PDB file of N, CA and C in Angstrom:
ATOM      1  N   MET A   1     -13.984 -20.055   7.494  1.00  0.00           N
ATOM      2  CA  MET A   1     -13.697 -18.602   7.252  1.00  0.00           C
ATOM      3  C   MET A   1     -12.005 -18.389   7.451  1.00  0.00           C
ATOM      4  N   LYS A   2     -11.548 -17.370   6.849  1.00  0.00           N
ATOM      5  CA  LYS A   2     -10.244 -17.164   6.892  1.00  0.00           C
ATOM      6  C   LYS A   2     -10.202 -15.160   7.535  1.00  0.00           C
ATOM      7  N   LEU A   3      -9.709 -15.535   8.509  1.00  0.00           N
ATOM      8  CA  LEU A   3      -9.398 -13.882   9.137  1.00  0.00           C
ATOM      9  C   LEU A   3      -8.476 -13.168   8.392  1.00  0.00           C
ATOM     10  N   LEU A   4      -8.612 -11.924   8.108  1.00  0.00           N
ATOM     11  CA  LEU A   4      -7.485 -11.350   7.387  1.00  0.00           C
ATOM     12  C   LEU A   4      -6.955  -9.932   8.404  1.00  0.00           C
ATOM     13  N   MET A   5      -5.746  -9.936   8.685  1.00  0.00           N
ATOM     14  CA  MET A   5      -5.462  -9.120   9.327  1.00  0.00           C
ATOM     15  C   MET A   5      -4.605  -8.063   8.708  1.00  0.00           C
ATOM     16  N   TRP A   6      -4.720  -6.672   8.870  1.00  0.00           N
ATOM     17  CA  TRP A   6      -3.800  -5.557   8.445  1.00  0.00           C
ATOM     18  C   TRP A   6      -2.781  -5.229   9.146  1.00  0.00           C
ATOM     19  N   LYS A   7      -1.955  -4.318   8.457  1.00  0.00           N
ATOM     20  CA  LYS A   7      -1.139  -3.303   9.911  1.00  0.00           C
ATOM     21  C   LYS A   7      -0.766  -2.144   8.702  1.00  0.00           C
ATOM     22  N   PRO A   8      -0.509  -0.663   9.131  1.00  0.00           N
ATOM     23  CA  PRO A   8       0.090   0.090   8.265  1.00  0.00           C
ATOM     24  C   PRO A   8       1.566  -0.277   7.876  1.00  0.00           C
ATOM     25  N   ILE A   9       1.837  -0.271   6.968  1.00  0.00           N
ATOM     26  CA  ILE A   9       3.138  -0.007   6.093  1.00  0.00           C
ATOM     27  C   ILE A   9       4.080   0.845   5.978  1.00  0.00           C
ATOM     28  N   SER A  10       3.126   2.275   6.053  1.00  0.00           N
ATOM     29  CA  SER A  10       3.910   3.599   5.804  1.00  0.00           C
ATOM     30  C   SER A  10       3.748   4.753   6.972  1.00  0.00           C
ATOM     31  N   SER A  11       3.055   3.969   7.880  1.00  0.00           N
ATOM     32  CA  SER A  11       2.563   5.298   8.629  1.00  0.00           C
ATOM     33  C   SER A  11       3.804   5.868   9.365  1.00  0.00           C
ATOM     34  N   ASP A  12       4.972   5.073   9.427  1.00  0.00           N
ATOM     35  CA  ASP A  12       6.083   5.951   9.981  1.00  0.00           C
ATOM     36  C   ASP A  12       7.055   6.895   9.088  1.00  0.00           C
ATOM     37  N   ARG A  13       6.555   6.815   7.792  1.00  0.00           N
ATOM     38  CA  ARG A  13       7.404   7.201   6.858  1.00  0.00           C
ATOM     39  C   ARG A  13       6.309   7.546   5.698  1.00  0.00           C
ATOM     40  N   PRO A  14       5.852   9.229   6.134  1.00  0.00           N
ATOM     41  CA  PRO A  14       4.891   9.807   5.165  1.00  0.00           C
ATOM     42  C   PRO A  14       5.291   9.446   3.744  1.00  0.00           C
ATOM     43  N   VAL A  15       4.249   9.401   2.803  1.00  0.00           N
ATOM     44  CA  VAL A  15       4.614   9.124   1.254  1.00  0.00           C
ATOM     45  C   VAL A  15       4.278  10.461   0.695  1.00  0.00           C
ATOM     46  N   ASN A  16       5.125  11.264  -0.213  1.00  0.00           N
ATOM     47  CA  ASN A  16       4.469  12.349  -0.939  1.00  0.00           C
ATOM     48  C   ASN A  16       3.461  11.910  -2.218  1.00  0.00           C
ATOM     49  N   THR A  17       2.624  12.887  -2.819  1.00  0.00           N
ATOM     50  CA  THR A  17       2.274  12.849  -3.953  1.00  0.00           C
ATOM     51  C   THR A  17       2.145  13.951  -4.540  1.00  0.00           C
ATOM     52  N   ASP A  18       1.825  13.729  -6.159  1.00  0.00           N
ATOM     53  CA  ASP A  18       1.855  14.729  -7.060  1.00  0.00           C
ATOM     54  C   ASP A  18       0.713  15.657  -7.143  1.00  0.00           C
ATOM     55  N   ASN A  19       0.465  16.367  -7.924  1.00  0.00           N
ATOM     56  CA  ASN A  19      -0.498  17.383  -7.989  1.00  0.00           C
ATOM     57  C   ASN A  19      -1.930  16.519  -8.671  1.00  0.00           C
ATOM     58  N   THR A  20      -1.493  14.890  -9.287  1.00  0.00           N
ATOM     59  CA  THR A  20      -2.735  14.411  -9.720  1.00  0.00           C
ATOM     60  C   THR A  20      -3.087  13.220  -8.567  1.00  0.00           C
ATOM     61  N   GLY A  21      -2.468  12.864  -7.386  1.00  0.00           N
ATOM     62  CA  GLY A  21      -2.420  12.239  -6.563  1.00  0.00           C
ATOM     63  C   GLY A  21      -1.737  10.955  -6.414  1.00  0.00           C
ATOM     64  N   ARG A  22      -1.045  10.563  -7.601  1.00  0.00           N
ATOM     65  CA  ARG A  22       0.193   9.567  -8.012  1.00  0.00           C
ATOM     66  C   ARG A  22       1.117   9.390  -6.608  1.00  0.00           C
ATOM     67  N   PHE A  23       1.231   8.233  -6.508  1.00  0.00           N
ATOM     68  CA  PHE A  23       2.414   8.424  -5.285  1.00  0.00           C
ATOM     69  C   PHE A  23       3.523   7.095  -5.687  1.00  0.00           C
ATOM     70  N   THR A  24       4.499   7.117  -4.924  1.00  0.00           N
ATOM     71  CA  THR A  24       5.618   5.843  -5.066  1.00  0.00           C
ATOM     72  C   THR A  24       5.651   5.516  -3.638  1.00  0.00           C
ATOM     73  N   ALA A  25       6.220   4.388  -3.403  1.00  0.00           N
ATOM     74  CA  ALA A  25       6.699   3.964  -2.213  1.00  0.00           C
ATOM     75  C   ALA A  25       7.309   2.612  -2.260  1.00  0.00           C
ATOM     76  N   ARG A  26       8.690   2.745  -1.787  1.00  0.00           N
ATOM     77  CA  ARG A  26       9.573   1.726  -1.796  1.00  0.00           C
ATOM     78  C   ARG A  26       9.378   0.744  -0.452  1.00  0.00           C
ATOM     79  N   LEU A  27       8.842  -0.590  -0.600  1.00  0.00           N
ATOM     80  CA  LEU A  27       8.428  -1.489   0.314  1.00  0.00           C
ATOM     81  C   LEU A  27       9.881  -2.829   0.530  1.00  0.00           C
ATOM     82  N   GLY A  28      10.747  -2.685   1.207  1.00  0.00           N
ATOM     83  CA  GLY A  28      11.571  -3.907   0.979  1.00  0.00           C
ATOM     84  C   GLY A  28      11.277  -5.404   1.977  1.00  0.00           C
ATOM     85  N   ASN A  29      10.281  -5.047   2.678  1.00  0.00           N
ATOM     86  CA  ASN A  29      10.106  -6.150   3.481  1.00  0.00           C
ATOM     87  C   ASN A  29       8.963  -6.992   3.119  1.00  0.00           C
ATOM     88  N   LEU A  30       8.431  -6.964   2.183  1.00  0.00           N
ATOM     89  CA  LEU A  30       7.167  -7.743   2.068  1.00  0.00           C
ATOM     90  C   LEU A  30       7.939  -9.355   1.476  1.00  0.00           C
ATOM     91  N   LYS A  31       6.690 -10.285   1.579  1.00  0.00           N
ATOM     92  CA  LYS A  31       7.125 -11.960   1.220  1.00  0.00           C
ATOM     93  C   LYS A  31       5.882 -11.951   0.022  1.00  0.00           C
ATOM     94  N   ALA A  32       6.472 -13.028  -0.680  1.00  0.00           N
ATOM     95  CA  ALA A  32       5.458 -13.211  -1.678  1.00  0.00           C
ATOM     96  C   ALA A  32       4.427 -14.154  -0.913  1.00  0.00           C
ATOM     97  N   GLY A  33       3.194 -13.740  -1.723  1.00  0.00           N
ATOM     98  CA  GLY A  33       1.903 -14.409  -1.193  1.00  0.00           C
ATOM     99  C   GLY A  33       1.236 -13.191  -0.073  1.00  0.00           C
ATOM    100  N   GLU A  34       1.854 -12.229   0.080  1.00  0.00           N
ATOM    101  CA  GLU A  34       1.172 -10.927   0.940  1.00  0.00           C
ATOM    102  C   GLU A  34       0.186 -10.334  -0.052  1.00  0.00           C
ATOM    103  N   ARG A  35      -0.277  -9.610   0.669  1.00  0.00           N
ATOM    104  CA  ARG A  35      -1.530  -8.627  -0.085  1.00  0.00           C
ATOM    105  C   ARG A  35      -1.453  -7.175   0.230  1.00  0.00           C
ATOM    106  N   VAL A  36      -1.273  -6.203  -0.327  1.00  0.00           N
ATOM    107  CA  VAL A  36      -1.384  -4.727  -0.130  1.00  0.00           C
ATOM    108  C   VAL A  36      -2.052  -4.031  -0.956  1.00  0.00           C
ATOM    109  N   SER A  37      -2.739  -3.082   0.041  1.00  0.00           N
ATOM    110  CA  SER A  37      -3.366  -1.763  -0.422  1.00  0.00           C
ATOM    111  C   SER A  37      -3.076  -0.216   0.084  1.00  0.00           C
ATOM    112  N   ALA A  38      -3.638   0.710  -0.431  1.00  0.00           N
ATOM    113  CA  ALA A  38      -3.314   1.700   0.169  1.00  0.00           C
ATOM    114  C   ALA A  38      -4.688   2.738   0.529  1.00  0.00           C
ATOM    115  N   ILE A  39      -4.608   3.301   1.122  1.00  0.00           N
ATOM    116  CA  ILE A  39      -5.646   4.381   1.506  1.00  0.00           C
ATOM    117  C   ILE A  39      -4.698   5.864   1.881  1.00  0.00           C
ATOM    118  N   ALA A  40      -5.386   6.808   1.429  1.00  0.00           N
ATOM    119  CA  ALA A  40      -4.621   7.936   1.615  1.00  0.00           C
ATOM    120  C   ALA A  40      -5.384   8.907   2.653  1.00  0.00           C
ATOM    121  N   ILE A  41      -4.709   9.241   3.684  1.00  0.00           N
ATOM    122  CA  ILE A  41      -5.608  10.372   4.754  1.00  0.00           C
ATOM    123  C   ILE A  41      -4.892  11.729   5.071  1.00  0.00           C
ATOM    124  N   HIS A  42      -5.601  12.601   4.364  1.00  0.00           N
ATOM    125  CA  HIS A  42      -5.214  14.204   4.399  1.00  0.00           C
ATOM    126  C   HIS A  42      -6.040  14.849   5.358  1.00  0.00           C
ATOM    127  N   PRO A  43      -5.563  15.868   6.090  1.00  0.00           N
ATOM    128  CA  PRO A  43      -6.271  16.579   7.178  1.00  0.00           C
ATOM    129  C   PRO A  43      -7.245  17.352   6.456  1.00  0.00           C
ATOM    130  N   GLN A  44      -6.826  17.841   5.469  1.00  0.00           N
ATOM    131  CA  GLN A  44      -7.793  18.916   4.521  1.00  0.00           C
ATOM    132  C   GLN A  44      -8.836  18.209   3.810  1.00  0.00           C
ATOM    133  N   TYR A  45      -8.153  17.191   2.960  1.00  0.00           N
ATOM    134  CA  TYR A  45      -9.120  16.599   2.126  1.00  0.00           C
ATOM    135  C   TYR A  45     -10.098  15.615   2.932  1.00  0.00           C
ATOM    136  N   GLY A  46      -9.524  14.613   3.625  1.00  0.00           N
ATOM    137  CA  GLY A  46     -10.076  13.746   3.922  1.00  0.00           C
ATOM    138  C   GLY A  46      -9.507  12.239   3.845  1.00  0.00           C
ATOM    139  N   THR A  47     -10.082  11.041   3.792  1.00  0.00           N
ATOM    140  CA  THR A  47      -9.903   9.908   3.622  1.00  0.00           C
ATOM    141  C   THR A  47     -10.027   9.029   2.404  1.00  0.00           C
ATOM    142  N   SER A  48      -9.291   8.999   1.361  1.00  0.00           N
ATOM    143  CA  SER A  48      -9.737   8.001   0.088  1.00  0.00           C
ATOM    144  C   SER A  48     -10.377   6.492   0.564  1.00  0.00           C
ATOM    145  N   GLU A  49     -10.837   6.431  -0.747  1.00  0.00           N
ATOM    146  CA  GLU A  49     -11.300   4.992  -1.022  1.00  0.00           C
ATOM    147  C   GLU A  49      -9.973   4.258  -0.982  1.00  0.00           C
ATOM    148  N   PRO A  50     -10.251   3.023  -0.628  1.00  0.00           N
ATOM    149  CA  PRO A  50      -9.127   1.974  -0.578  1.00  0.00           C
ATOM    150  C   PRO A  50      -8.722   1.592  -2.146  1.00  0.00           C
ATOM    151  N   ALA A  51      -7.461   1.741  -2.469  1.00  0.00           N
ATOM    152  CA  ALA A  51      -7.036   0.904  -3.536  1.00  0.00           C
ATOM    153  C   ALA A  51      -7.105  -0.520  -3.578  1.00  0.00           C
ATOM    154  N   TYR A  52      -7.225  -0.945  -4.735  1.00  0.00           N
ATOM    155  CA  TYR A  52      -7.500  -2.402  -5.050  1.00  0.00           C
ATOM    156  C   TYR A  52      -6.193  -3.063  -4.723  1.00  0.00           C
ATOM    157  N   PRO A  53      -6.346  -4.340  -4.052  1.00  0.00           N
ATOM    158  CA  PRO A  53      -5.522  -4.794  -3.275  1.00  0.00           C
ATOM    159  C   PRO A  53      -4.769  -5.462  -4.662  1.00  0.00           C
ATOM    160  N   ALA A  54      -3.031  -5.442  -4.317  1.00  0.00           N
ATOM    161  CA  ALA A  54      -2.006  -6.290  -5.150  1.00  0.00           C
ATOM    162  C   ALA A  54      -1.499  -7.561  -4.447  1.00  0.00           C
ATOM    163  N   LEU A  55      -1.356  -8.423  -5.018  1.00  0.00           N
ATOM    164  CA  LEU A  55      -0.529  -9.391  -4.639  1.00  0.00           C
ATOM    165  C   LEU A  55       0.778  -9.729  -4.797  1.00  0.00           C
ATOM    166  N   ILE A  56       1.666  -9.860  -3.740  1.00  0.00           N
ATOM    167  CA  ILE A  56       3.119  -9.818  -3.891  1.00  0.00           C
ATOM    168  C   ILE A  56       3.619 -11.212  -4.497  1.00  0.00           C
ATOM    169  N   ARG A  57       4.200 -11.067  -5.677  1.00  0.00           N
ATOM    170  CA  ARG A  57       4.446 -12.479  -6.129  1.00  0.00           C
ATOM    171  C   ARG A  57       6.383 -12.443  -6.085  1.00  0.00           C
ATOM    172  N   PRO A  58       6.654 -13.621  -6.048  1.00  0.00           N
ATOM    173  CA  PRO A  58       8.386 -13.526  -6.342  1.00  0.00           C
ATOM    174  C   PRO A  58       9.035 -13.391  -7.560  1.00  0.00           C
ATOM    175  N   ILE A  59      10.051 -13.169  -8.055  1.00  0.00           N
ATOM    176  CA  ILE A  59      10.432 -12.767  -9.274  1.00  0.00           C
ATOM    177  C   ILE A  59      11.223 -14.233  -9.642  1.00  0.00           C
ATOM    178  N   ARG A  60      10.914 -14.524 -11.045  1.00  0.00           N
ATOM    179  CA  ARG A  60      11.364 -15.807 -11.380  1.00  0.00           C
ATOM    180  C   ARG A  60      12.530 -15.589 -12.730  1.00  0.00           C
ATOM    181  N   ASN A  61      13.388 -16.024 -12.476  1.00  0.00           N
ATOM    182  CA  ASN A  61      14.137 -15.911 -14.075  1.00  0.00           C
ATOM    183  C   ASN A  61      14.078 -17.194 -14.910  1.00  0.00           C
ATOM    184  N   TYR A  62      13.242 -16.690 -16.299  1.00  0.00           N
ATOM    185  CA  TYR A  62      12.875 -17.682 -16.857  1.00  0.00           C
ATOM    186  C   TYR A  62      14.338 -17.961 -18.340  1.00  0.00           C
TER     187      TYR A  62
END
C-alpha cells in the first residue's frame, strides 16, 4: 500500500475566482510525477468538492 501525502500549495497566496467559480494559479515549483488537486474554501459558501487530480508531466520537444 502506498501512502499519499498532501500539503497546501497556495494557502499563503489566496487565488481569486470569477463569477462562475473559475480560477487560475501559477505554480512554479512542481516536479514531473507530482499530482495536484484543488479544494475551494469560502467563509460564506463553505467548502467545495475536490477537483479531479492532475498529473504533472514534463514538457518534451518533438
